[in-house]
Amino acid sequence: MARVRFLGIVRDWMRCSSLEAGADTLREVLQAMREKGGWRLEEKAFRDGDRPIPEMEFLVNGHNVRFLQGPDTALKPEDEIVVFIHRSWAEVPFM
């Protein structure tokens, strides 16, 4: 099973640091995340039904899925997926 690790605020939304997903594609990982994360994740991380917010990044074995096949990226059981929110410095409030 592919291992999915959550970093930063995504970890808070998921209320766990990782999960094991028996998924063949990233789309199936997204569904597993929605089932585990419940309404909290749904409210914060998804728009227009099943599309994750643009700031959410997914790396499969260190490669950004934006440069692979997006949600249709094929997964192998030994793959590691890292999920986090990408924010630019312009979006970080000055303290």
Protein backbone atom coordinates (compact mmCIF):
# COMPACT_ATOMS: atom_id res chain seq x y z
CA MET A 1 0.00 0.00 0.00
CA ALA A 2 1.17 3.50 -0.78
CA ARG A 3 2.08 5.61 2.24
CA VAL A 4 0.62 9.13 2.40
CA ARG A 5 2.31 11.68 4.70
CA PHE A 6 0.73 14.98 5.69
CA LEU A 7 2.73 18.10 6.50
CA GLY A 8 1.80 21.39 8.15
CA ILE A 9 -1.82 22.47 8.22
CA VAL A 10 -2.89 19.44 6.17
CA ARG A 11 -1.77 17.28 9.12
CA ASP A 12 -4.05 19.32 11.38
CA TRP A 13 -6.98 18.98 8.99
CA MET A 14 -6.46 15.23 8.70
CA ARG A 15 -5.85 14.81 12.45
CA CYS A 16 -3.09 12.31 11.67
CA SER A 17 0.41 12.42 10.22
CA SER A 18 0.02 9.63 7.67
CA LEU A 19 -2.18 6.91 6.28
CA GLU A 20 -1.77 3.79 4.20
CA ALA A 21 -3.82 3.80 1.01
CA GLY A 22 -4.44 0.80 -1.21
CA ALA A 23 -4.79 3.06 -4.22
CA ASP A 24 -3.94 2.67 -7.89
CA THR A 25 -4.13 6.42 -8.66
CA LEU A 26 -3.82 9.72 -6.83
CA ARG A 27 -7.57 10.19 -7.33
CA GLU A 28 -8.15 7.17 -5.07
CA VAL A 29 -5.78 8.68 -2.49
CA LEU A 30 -7.88 11.86 -2.56
CA GLN A 31 -10.98 9.78 -1.85
CA ALA A 32 -9.25 8.02 1.06
CA MET A 33 -8.21 11.42 2.42
CA ARG A 34 -11.80 12.67 2.21
CA GLU A 35 -13.09 9.60 4.03
CA LYS A 36 -10.49 9.93 6.80
CA GLY A 37 -10.47 13.74 7.09
CA GLY A 38 -14.24 14.17 7.10
CA TRP A 39 -16.00 17.54 7.06
CA ARG A 40 -13.00 19.45 8.37
CA LEU A 41 -10.82 18.49 5.41
CA GLU A 42 -13.74 18.79 2.98
CA GLU A 43 -14.45 22.35 4.13
CA LYS A 44 -10.85 23.56 3.96
CA ALA A 45 -9.15 21.59 1.19
CA PHE A 46 -11.69 20.95 -1.57
CA ARG A 47 -13.56 23.19 -4.01
CA ASP A 48 -15.99 22.43 -6.80
CA GLY A 49 -16.77 18.96 -5.55
CA ASP A 50 -13.72 16.74 -5.82
CA ARG A 51 -10.99 19.23 -6.79
CA PRO A 52 -8.38 20.06 -4.15
CA ILE A 53 -7.58 23.74 -3.61
CA PRO A 54 -4.80 25.07 -5.90
CA GLU A 55 -2.42 25.63 -2.96
CA MET A 56 -2.43 21.92 -2.10
CA GLU A 57 0.64 20.12 -3.39
CA PHE A 58 1.08 16.38 -3.93
CA LEU A 59 4.51 14.82 -4.38
CA VAL A 60 4.81 11.20 -5.46
CA ASN A 61 8.30 9.97 -4.63
CA GLY A 62 9.45 13.60 -4.68
CA HIS A 63 7.85 14.46 -8.05
CA ASN A 64 5.06 17.02 -8.19
CA VAL A 65 1.94 15.48 -9.75
CA ARG A 66 1.33 18.70 -11.68
CA PHE A 67 4.18 17.54 -13.92
CA LEU A 68 2.97 13.93 -14.04
CA GLN A 69 -0.65 12.96 -14.77
CA GLY A 70 -2.31 15.01 -12.01
CA PRO A 71 -5.04 13.06 -10.21
CA ASP A 72 -4.66 10.21 -12.69
CA THR A 73 -1.02 9.62 -11.70
CA ALA A 74 -0.54 5.86 -11.36
CA LEU A 75 0.74 4.58 -8.01
CA LYS A 76 2.66 1.48 -6.96
CA PRO A 77 2.41 -0.11 -3.51
CA GLU A 78 5.88 1.13 -2.54
CA ASP A 79 5.19 4.79 -3.47
CA GLU A 80 5.26 7.60 -0.93
CA ILE A 81 2.93 10.56 -1.36
CA VAL A 82 3.56 13.80 0.55
CA VAL A 83 0.70 16.31 0.86
CA PHE A 84 1.15 19.92 1.99
CA ILE A 85 -0.08 23.45 1.38
CA HIS A 86 2.16 25.70 -0.71
CA ARG A 87 2.05 29.32 0.32
CA SER A 88 4.11 32.16 -1.08
CA TRP A 89 5.79 34.66 1.22
CA ALA A 90 3.33 37.28 -0.02
CA GLU A 91 0.51 35.34 1.63
CA VAL A 92 2.23 35.04 5.03
CA PRO A 93 1.15 37.81 7.40
CA PHE A 94 3.94 39.98 8.77
CA MET A 95 4.44 39.50 12.51
